[in-house]
Protein backbone atom coordinates (compact mmCIF):
# COMPACT_ATOMS: atom_id res chain seq x y z
CA UNK A 1 205.96 82.90 -6.25
CA UNK A 2 208.18 84.38 -3.58
CA UNK A 3 211.61 82.86 -3.29
CA UNK A 4 212.84 79.33 -2.89
CA UNK A 5 216.49 78.39 -2.78
CA UNK A 6 218.07 75.05 -1.95
CA UNK A 7 221.81 74.39 -2.01
CA UNK A 8 223.64 71.45 -0.47
CA UNK A 9 226.93 69.58 -0.70
CA UNK A 10 225.60 67.09 1.90
CA UNK A 11 228.56 67.71 4.20
CA UNK A 12 228.38 68.93 7.79
CA UNK A 13 228.27 72.74 7.86
CA UNK A 14 228.06 72.90 11.64
CA UNK A 15 224.28 73.15 12.03
CA UNK A 16 223.63 69.42 12.51
CA UNK A 17 221.39 69.20 9.41
CA UNK A 18 223.16 67.58 6.47
CA UNK A 19 219.93 67.75 4.46
CA UNK A 20 219.69 71.57 4.90
CA UNK A 21 215.95 71.47 5.50
CA UNK A 22 215.07 68.80 2.93
CA UNK A 23 213.45 65.46 3.84
CA UNK A 24 214.51 61.94 2.95
CA UNK A 25 211.73 59.34 2.79
CA UNK A 26 210.75 56.02 1.31
CA UNK A 27 214.28 54.68 1.76
CA UNK A 28 214.82 50.98 1.08
CA UNK A 29 218.39 49.70 1.29
CA UNK A 30 221.63 50.34 3.16
CA UNK A 31 224.34 52.95 2.67
CA UNK A 32 221.78 55.35 1.20
CA UNK A 33 220.97 59.02 1.79
CA UNK A 34 223.79 61.23 3.04
CA UNK A 35 226.70 58.85 2.59
CA UNK A 36 230.17 58.78 1.07
CA UNK A 37 229.70 56.62 -2.00
CA UNK A 38 232.76 54.44 -2.65
CA UNK A 39 232.26 55.12 -6.36
CA UNK A 40 232.61 58.90 -5.96
CA UNK A 41 236.36 58.64 -5.48
CA UNK A 42 236.43 61.45 -2.91
CA UNK A 43 236.26 61.79 0.86
CA UNK A 44 233.05 63.77 1.23
CA UNK A 45 229.36 62.89 1.28
CA UNK A 46 226.88 62.57 -1.54
CA UNK A 47 223.17 61.77 -1.52
CA UNK A 48 222.84 58.13 -2.59
CA UNK A 49 219.53 56.92 -4.05
CA UNK A 50 220.53 53.27 -4.44
CA UNK A 51 223.70 51.21 -4.48
CA UNK A 52 222.47 47.70 -5.22
CA UNK A 53 219.54 45.59 -6.30
CA UNK A 54 216.06 46.39 -5.00
CA UNK A 55 216.89 49.78 -3.45
CA UNK A 56 215.20 53.19 -3.64
CA UNK A 57 215.24 56.64 -2.05
CA UNK A 58 213.54 60.03 -2.35
CA UNK A 59 214.61 63.58 -1.45
CA UNK A 60 211.91 66.22 -0.92
CA UNK A 61 213.36 69.77 -1.02
CA UNK A 62 210.39 71.12 0.98
CA UNK A 63 209.41 74.08 -1.15
CA UNK A 64 205.90 73.24 0.15
CA UNK A 65 203.83 75.23 -2.36
CA UNK A 66 200.33 75.97 -1.09
CA UNK A 67 197.25 77.85 -2.26
CA UNK A 68 198.07 80.31 -5.03
CA UNK A 69 201.83 79.96 -4.48
CA UNK A 70 203.65 78.87 -7.61
CA UNK A 71 207.02 78.51 -9.29
CA UNK A 72 207.04 80.53 -12.50
CA UNK A 73 210.65 79.68 -13.38
CA UNK A 74 213.64 77.92 -11.87
CA UNK A 75 217.06 76.46 -12.48
CA UNK A 76 218.51 73.35 -10.86
CA UNK A 77 222.05 72.04 -11.12
CA UNK A 78 223.84 69.15 -9.45
CA UNK A 79 226.48 66.50 -10.00
CA UNK A 80 224.93 63.16 -10.98
CA UNK A 81 226.52 59.77 -11.43
CA UNK A 82 225.10 56.45 -12.56
CA UNK A 83 227.41 53.49 -11.91
CA UNK A 84 227.06 50.02 -13.38
CA UNK A 85 226.99 47.40 -10.65
CA UNK A 86 225.88 43.86 -11.54
CA UNK A 87 222.83 42.46 -9.76
CA UNK A 88 220.97 39.15 -9.82
CA UNK A 89 220.26 39.57 -13.51
CA UNK A 90 220.79 41.99 -16.38
CA UNK A 91 223.77 44.12 -17.28
CA UNK A 92 224.01 46.14 -14.06
CA UNK A 93 222.57 49.34 -15.51
CA UNK A 94 220.43 51.11 -12.93
CA UNK A 95 216.74 51.71 -13.58
CA UNK A 96 216.99 55.47 -13.24
CA UNK A 97 216.20 58.72 -11.47
CA UNK A 98 213.75 61.64 -11.86
CA UNK A 99 213.86 65.31 -10.95
CA UNK A 100 210.32 66.54 -10.36
CA UNK A 101 208.32 69.66 -9.70
CA UNK A 102 204.83 68.38 -9.09
CA UNK A 103 202.39 66.69 -6.77
CA UNK A 104 204.37 64.25 -4.57
CA UNK A 105 201.28 62.08 -4.10
CA UNK A 106 201.32 61.36 -7.84
CA UNK A 107 204.86 59.93 -7.76
CA UNK A 108 204.87 56.47 -9.31
CA UNK A 109 205.76 53.54 -7.03
CA UNK A 110 208.33 52.89 -9.75
CA UNK A 111 210.07 56.09 -8.71
CA UNK A 112 212.24 56.57 -11.76
CA UNK A 113 209.05 57.19 -13.79
CA UNK A 114 208.41 60.40 -11.85
CA UNK A 115 205.24 62.29 -10.95
CA UNK A 116 202.16 62.03 -13.15
CA UNK A 117 200.97 65.52 -12.14
CA UNK A 118 203.52 68.19 -12.95
CA UNK A 119 206.99 68.19 -14.47
CA UNK A 120 209.24 65.13 -14.38
CA UNK A 121 212.73 64.88 -15.88
CA UNK A 122 213.49 61.17 -16.34
CA UNK A 123 216.99 59.75 -16.80
CA UNK A 124 216.88 56.01 -17.41
CA UNK A 125 219.98 53.92 -18.23
CA UNK A 126 218.07 50.61 -18.18
CA UNK A 127 215.33 49.73 -20.68
CA UNK A 128 212.28 48.03 -19.23
CA UNK A 129 211.15 46.98 -22.66
CA UNK A 130 207.80 48.57 -21.75
CA UNK A 131 206.03 50.87 -24.20
CA UNK A 132 206.69 54.45 -23.20
CA UNK A 133 209.63 53.63 -20.92
CA UNK A 134 212.73 53.22 -23.06
CA UNK A 135 216.28 52.96 -21.72
CA UNK A 136 219.37 55.15 -22.29
CA UNK A 137 217.07 58.13 -22.58
CA UNK A 138 216.58 61.60 -21.11
CA UNK A 139 212.89 62.52 -21.10
CA UNK A 140 210.92 65.63 -20.21
CA UNK A 141 207.40 64.72 -19.09
CA UNK A 142 204.52 67.09 -18.33
CA UNK A 143 201.51 65.45 -16.68
CA UNK A 144 202.96 62.09 -17.73
CA UNK A 145 203.19 63.04 -21.42
CA UNK A 146 206.59 63.21 -23.11
CA UNK A 147 207.22 66.75 -24.43
CA UNK A 148 210.93 66.33 -25.18
CA UNK A 149 213.54 63.57 -25.19
CA UNK A 150 216.94 62.49 -26.41
CA UNK A 151 218.43 59.02 -26.77
CA UNK A 152 222.05 58.40 -25.76
CA UNK A 153 224.31 55.47 -26.48
CA UNK A 154 225.04 54.62 -22.83
CA UNK A 155 223.73 56.75 -19.97
CA UNK A 156 225.88 54.84 -17.47
CA UNK A 157 229.17 55.36 -19.25
CA UNK A 158 230.05 59.00 -18.45
CA UNK A 159 231.86 59.81 -15.25
CA UNK A 160 230.01 61.95 -12.71
CA UNK A 161 228.70 64.91 -14.71
CA UNK A 162 226.66 68.08 -14.28
CA UNK A 163 222.92 67.54 -14.53
CA UNK A 164 220.91 70.73 -15.00
CA UNK A 165 217.26 71.65 -15.51
CA UNK A 166 215.81 75.08 -16.26
CA UNK A 167 212.29 76.30 -16.94
CA UNK A 168 211.57 79.86 -18.04
CA UNK A 169 208.43 81.90 -17.40
CA UNK A 170 206.85 80.64 -20.64
CA UNK A 171 207.30 76.97 -19.74
CA UNK A 172 210.26 76.25 -22.00
CA UNK A 173 212.28 73.40 -20.46
CA UNK A 174 215.99 72.76 -21.01
CA UNK A 175 217.86 69.74 -19.64
CA UNK A 176 221.49 68.68 -19.87
CA UNK A 177 223.54 65.82 -18.48
CA UNK A 178 227.20 66.03 -19.40
CA UNK A 179 227.25 66.64 -23.15
CA UNK A 180 223.71 65.33 -23.68
CA UNK A 181 220.79 67.77 -23.95
CA UNK A 182 217.01 67.71 -24.28
CA UNK A 183 214.40 70.43 -24.54
CA UNK A 184 210.66 70.83 -24.73
CA UNK A 185 207.82 73.26 -24.16
CA UNK A 186 204.88 72.83 -21.81
CA UNK A 187 201.74 73.09 -23.98
CA UNK A 188 199.79 76.34 -24.35
CA UNK A 189 199.38 78.29 -21.13
CA UNK A 190 199.46 75.22 -18.87
CA UNK A 191 202.69 76.28 -17.14
CA UNK A 192 201.20 79.61 -16.06
CA UNK A 193 197.61 78.47 -15.46
CA UNK A 194 197.94 75.09 -13.74
CA UNK A 195 197.49 75.19 -9.96
CA UNK A 196 200.64 74.18 -8.08
CA UNK A 197 198.88 73.81 -4.73
CA UNK A 198 200.60 70.98 -2.86
CA UNK A 199 203.51 70.73 -5.30
CA UNK A 200 207.15 70.35 -4.37
CA UNK A 201 210.60 69.74 -5.76
CA UNK A 202 211.30 66.02 -5.47
CA UNK A 203 214.18 63.82 -6.62
CA UNK A 204 213.53 60.08 -6.68
CA UNK A 205 215.45 57.02 -7.78
CA UNK A 206 215.04 53.25 -7.76
CA UNK A 207 216.62 50.17 -9.20
CA UNK A 208 215.44 46.57 -9.30
CA UNK A 209 217.25 43.27 -9.71
CA UNK A 210 219.37 44.80 -12.45
CA UNK A 211 221.19 46.76 -9.65
CA UNK A 212 223.52 49.70 -10.31
CA UNK A 213 224.08 52.89 -8.30
CA UNK A 214 223.00 56.55 -8.50
CA UNK A 215 223.97 59.55 -6.38
CA UNK A 216 223.90 63.34 -6.57
CA UNK A 217 226.12 66.01 -5.03
CA UNK A 218 226.46 69.81 -4.93
CA UNK A 219 222.83 70.53 -5.69
CA UNK A 220 221.70 74.12 -6.32
CA UNK A 221 218.03 74.97 -6.98
CA UNK A 222 217.26 78.68 -7.20
CA UNK A 223 214.44 81.12 -7.98
CA UNK A 224 215.09 84.46 -6.38
CA UNK A 225 213.45 87.89 -5.89
CA UNK A 226 214.77 90.66 -3.64
CA UNK A 227 212.38 92.99 -1.85
CA UNK A 228 212.33 95.73 0.77
CA UNK A 229 209.06 96.17 2.67
CA UNK A 230 207.08 99.40 2.39
CA UNK A 231 207.95 101.79 5.21
CA UNK A 232 211.69 101.03 4.98
CA UNK A 233 213.76 104.22 4.95
CA UNK A 234 216.39 104.36 2.21
CA UNK A 235 219.27 106.83 2.64
CA UNK A 236 219.38 109.48 -0.11
CA UNK A 237 221.36 112.72 -0.56
CA UNK A 238 218.40 114.62 0.94
CA UNK A 239 217.98 112.23 3.89
CA UNK A 240 216.12 108.97 4.58
CA UNK A 241 213.10 108.44 2.29
CA UNK A 242 210.39 105.74 2.51
CA UNK A 243 211.16 103.17 -0.18
CA UNK A 244 207.59 103.17 -1.52
CA UNK A 245 207.88 106.88 -2.39
CA UNK A 246 211.01 106.48 -4.50
CA UNK A 247 210.73 106.82 -8.26
CA UNK A 248 213.06 106.20 -11.22
CA UNK A 249 215.82 108.87 -11.42
CA UNK A 250 215.72 109.44 -7.64
CA UNK A 251 219.19 109.25 -6.13
CA UNK A 252 220.15 106.82 -3.37
CA UNK A 253 223.36 106.65 -1.33
CA UNK A 254 225.50 103.55 -1.81
CA UNK A 255 228.27 102.06 0.28
CA UNK A 256 230.81 102.02 -2.56
CA UNK A 257 229.78 104.30 -5.44
CA UNK A 258 228.42 107.51 -3.97
CA UNK A 259 224.95 108.61 -5.12
CA UNK A 260 223.37 106.45 -7.81
CA UNK A 261 220.07 106.89 -9.66
CA UNK A 262 217.27 104.37 -9.43
CA UNK A 263 216.64 103.05 -12.92
CA UNK A 264 213.64 100.77 -12.24
CA UNK A 265 211.36 100.10 -9.26
CA UNK A 266 208.53 97.63 -8.70
CA UNK A 267 205.99 96.92 -5.94
CA UNK A 268 204.18 93.72 -4.95
CA UNK A 269 201.43 93.53 -2.31
CA UNK A 270 200.39 90.39 -0.43
CA UNK A 271 197.38 90.24 1.88
CA UNK A 272 197.10 88.12 5.02
CA UNK A 273 195.30 85.31 3.20
CA UNK A 274 198.09 85.11 0.62
CA UNK A 275 200.74 85.03 3.34
CA UNK A 276 198.91 82.25 5.16
CA UNK A 277 198.60 80.27 1.93
CA UNK A 278 202.29 80.76 1.06
CA UNK A 279 204.26 81.04 4.29
CA UNK A 280 207.55 81.49 2.44
CA UNK A 281 206.28 84.98 1.53
CA UNK A 282 206.09 86.06 5.17
CA UNK A 283 208.64 88.78 5.93
CA UNK A 284 211.67 88.64 8.18
CA UNK A 285 212.00 91.31 10.86
CA UNK A 286 215.46 92.36 12.03
CA UNK A 287 215.16 94.28 15.30
CA UNK A 288 217.13 97.48 15.87
CA UNK A 289 220.73 96.72 16.94
CA UNK A 290 220.32 92.96 16.28
CA UNK A 291 223.41 92.89 14.04
CA UNK A 292 225.49 95.43 15.96
CA UNK A 293 225.14 98.83 17.56
CA UNK A 294 223.00 100.89 15.17
CA UNK A 295 222.50 97.99 12.73
CA UNK A 296 219.80 98.39 11.84
CA UNK A 297 219.02 101.75 13.37
CA UNK A 298 215.33 100.79 13.61
CA UNK A 299 213.41 97.57 12.98
CA UNK A 300 213.91 96.44 9.38
CA UNK A 301 211.43 94.26 7.43
CA UNK A 302 212.62 92.42 4.31
CA UNK A 303 211.76 89.36 2.25
CA UNK A 304 213.36 86.10 3.34
CA UNK A 305 215.99 85.97 0.61
CA UNK A 306 216.93 89.66 0.70
CA UNK A 307 220.66 89.80 1.31
CA UNK A 308 222.02 91.87 4.18
CA UNK A 309 225.64 93.03 4.23
CA UNK A 310 227.72 91.95 7.21
CA UNK A 311 231.31 92.83 8.01
CA UNK A 312 233.48 90.91 10.46
CA UNK A 313 236.80 89.21 11.03
CA UNK A 314 234.98 85.88 11.10
CA UNK A 315 233.76 86.56 7.56
CA UNK A 316 237.31 87.31 6.46
CA UNK A 317 238.63 84.12 8.02
CA UNK A 318 235.86 81.92 6.61
CA UNK A 319 235.30 83.50 3.19
CA UNK A 320 238.49 85.44 2.46
CA UNK A 321 236.83 88.88 2.55
CA UNK A 322 235.46 90.93 5.46
CA UNK A 323 232.25 92.08 3.75
CA UNK A 324 229.71 89.52 2.52
CA UNK A 325 226.01 89.40 1.65
CA UNK A 326 223.83 87.01 3.67
CA UNK A 327 220.12 86.20 3.07
CA UNK A 328 217.93 87.41 5.94
CA UNK A 329 216.48 83.91 6.36
CA UNK A 330 219.96 82.63 7.27
CA UNK A 331 220.07 85.03 10.25
CA UNK A 332 217.01 83.57 11.99
CA UNK A 333 219.11 81.90 14.70
CA UNK A 334 220.12 85.33 15.99
CA UNK A 335 218.28 87.07 18.84
CA UNK A 336 216.08 89.79 17.39
CA UNK A 337 215.71 88.21 13.93
CA UNK A 338 212.48 86.33 13.22
CA UNK A 339 209.75 85.62 10.69
CA UNK A 340 206.69 87.81 11.22
CA UNK A 341 204.27 84.89 11.49
CA UNK A 342 201.32 87.16 12.35
CA UNK A 343 201.77 89.66 9.52
CA UNK A 344 198.42 91.03 8.29
CA UNK A 345 199.97 91.80 4.92
CA UNK A 346 203.14 93.13 3.37
CA UNK A 347 204.13 95.34 0.45
CA UNK A 348 207.50 94.45 -1.05
CA UNK A 349 209.46 96.98 -3.12
CA UNK A 350 212.52 96.15 -5.19
CA UNK A 351 214.59 98.50 -7.31
CA UNK A 352 217.51 98.50 -9.73
CA UNK A 353 220.44 100.83 -10.16
CA UNK A 354 222.85 100.62 -13.10
CA UNK A 355 224.79 98.01 -11.13
CA UNK A 356 224.19 95.86 -8.10
CA UNK A 357 224.71 98.15 -5.11
CA UNK A 358 224.71 98.13 -1.32
CA UNK A 359 222.34 100.83 -0.05
CA UNK A 360 221.26 101.80 3.46
CA UNK A 361 217.83 100.57 4.64
CA UNK A 362 216.93 101.81 8.12
CA UNK A 363 220.66 102.34 8.46
CA UNK A 364 221.46 98.72 7.57
CA UNK A 365 223.65 98.05 4.49
CA UNK A 366 221.49 95.91 2.19
CA UNK A 367 221.50 94.94 -1.47
CA UNK A 368 219.51 96.32 -4.36
CA UNK A 369 218.00 93.85 -6.83
CA UNK A 370 220.70 91.67 -8.37
CA UNK A 371 219.85 91.51 -12.07
CA UNK A 372 220.96 87.92 -12.62
CA UNK A 373 219.24 85.11 -14.47
CA UNK A 374 217.12 83.99 -11.52
CA UNK A 375 215.88 87.44 -10.56
CA UNK A 376 214.93 88.09 -14.18
CA UNK A 377 213.07 84.79 -14.48
CA UNK A 378 210.90 85.45 -11.40
CA UNK A 379 209.86 89.02 -12.28
CA UNK A 380 207.33 88.18 -14.98
CA UNK A 381 207.01 89.13 -18.66
CA UNK A 382 205.74 92.70 -18.20
CA UNK A 383 208.49 93.60 -15.74
CA UNK A 384 211.15 92.08 -18.00
CA UNK A 385 209.95 94.07 -21.00
CA UNK A 386 210.17 97.25 -18.95
CA UNK A 387 213.68 96.40 -17.76
CA UNK A 388 214.79 95.66 -21.34
CA UNK A 389 213.46 99.07 -22.42
CA UNK A 390 215.35 100.82 -19.62
CA UNK A 391 218.57 98.81 -20.07
CA UNK A 392 218.74 98.33 -23.86
CA UNK A 393 222.46 97.52 -23.79
CA UNK A 394 221.99 94.55 -21.47
CA UNK A 395 221.17 91.15 -22.92
CA UNK A 396 219.24 89.89 -19.89
CA UNK A 397 218.91 86.39 -21.30
CA UNK A 398 222.69 85.99 -21.39
CA UNK A 399 223.75 88.10 -18.41
CA UNK A 400 225.90 86.80 -15.58
CA UNK A 401 225.22 88.65 -12.32
CA UNK A 402 228.05 90.73 -10.85
CA UNK A 403 227.40 91.21 -7.16
CA UNK A 404 228.43 94.28 -5.16
CA UNK A 405 229.92 92.08 -2.43
CA UNK A 406 230.89 88.45 -2.08
CA UNK A 407 227.99 86.00 -1.74
CA UNK A 408 229.20 82.98 0.28
CA UNK A 409 228.20 79.37 -0.25
CA UNK A 410 224.90 78.99 1.61
CA UNK A 411 226.00 75.63 3.02
CA UNK A 412 228.57 77.41 5.23
CA UNK A 413 226.30 80.15 6.54
CA UNK A 414 224.96 78.08 9.44
CA UNK A 415 228.49 77.70 10.75
CA UNK A 416 229.18 81.40 10.11
CA UNK A 417 226.20 82.50 12.23
CA UNK A 418 227.02 79.93 14.94
CA UNK A 419 230.58 81.25 15.26
CA UNK A 420 229.32 84.80 15.70
CA UNK A 421 226.90 83.70 18.41
CA UNK A 422 229.50 81.60 20.21
CA UNK A 423 232.08 84.41 20.20
CA UNK A 424 229.46 87.12 20.88
CA UNK A 425 230.75 89.21 17.99
CA UNK A 426 228.64 91.81 16.15
CA UNK A 427 227.84 91.17 12.53
CA UNK A 428 228.63 94.71 11.53
CA UNK A 429 231.00 97.48 12.50
CA UNK A 430 230.66 101.07 11.28
CA UNK A 431 229.93 101.47 7.55
CA UNK A 432 229.75 104.91 5.94
CA UNK A 433 228.42 105.71 2.46
CA UNK A 434 230.81 106.94 -0.18
CA UNK A 435 230.69 110.72 -0.65
CA UNK A 436 228.08 111.90 -3.11
């Protein structure tokens, strides 16, 4: 697919949207949704699914996959807590919660059972005593069939712990909650061949008369690719060169490390029909001078998650460093920055240097591909094999990305952009490349 990223601490970041573009629905109960759970022991908000008997809630992350759009890999991480709270009967263990990537219309009315079409990760403290729905279990379900599970002694006993889910490009699923783990593999080629039209990321929880509480916090779901659009001029020692004409071993100018060779480059083309079917692939246009005088020097077209370097005193005050990398999609509130809704097609080009670098695209400092786990997972098997051949000393499967500049918490970027607009400050002052 293109890129989908969702990150939220459920606290006010100044943009008036504590759900950061997600949707809450099917709520039944009080003190649910974005709320400071008394059991969290802190002063900030969480997302509460239920806090007493007969309550439920759902959070749709609004990836909104359509047509041929698909997720070929992802990671998700969040803090999760189940709390025992006695209800009208039973031992107070909550019924459970599911993390899903699938068809929302197939979500069971007993929400903690998850979707029946797609992937559902089920965490269930309470045992229904129903065949196929045990308690104190972590289950991985694909199309409502268990493909991996682990039984724990008491799922409600740990304190709030990290809950993580990852799926690689081959459909291998890994899940952890605190010290507990489960894994499984989606059968055959079903992960790569099954249509994901209409699918979404969905978290759902419910509890009955047995009561209990469940909440999440600090959620981070990421699958990321970085692309320049064809026609973009990249600064090189011999002058600006269209990005689509660059080849491995060509030199590009960087902001920090002089001239660096391109080690790998890749192109993806999307026609108008594909863009209409998957609107998250539509490019962002940054008009000339939108970020400051000469930045960019001419209109710049990039993918939504391509990070642009900005430099300002506001960045230093908010993030502790003057230069930071900001996804283009987070700049859409600025005059002269917009999604090209009428694009007839787009060709995206991404390239690697030996390290993550800031290069100059139409005069605008912008990142090269960041070779971290998420970028690797979204590139596909053929591209990964080529990268491994070019970078034999890098263990891609165990590599932590090292970014050229600081990458701020996305939850604070709305406030960052709003402060620039309010104070009428440019996002960038003069930046010169290091000498070749």
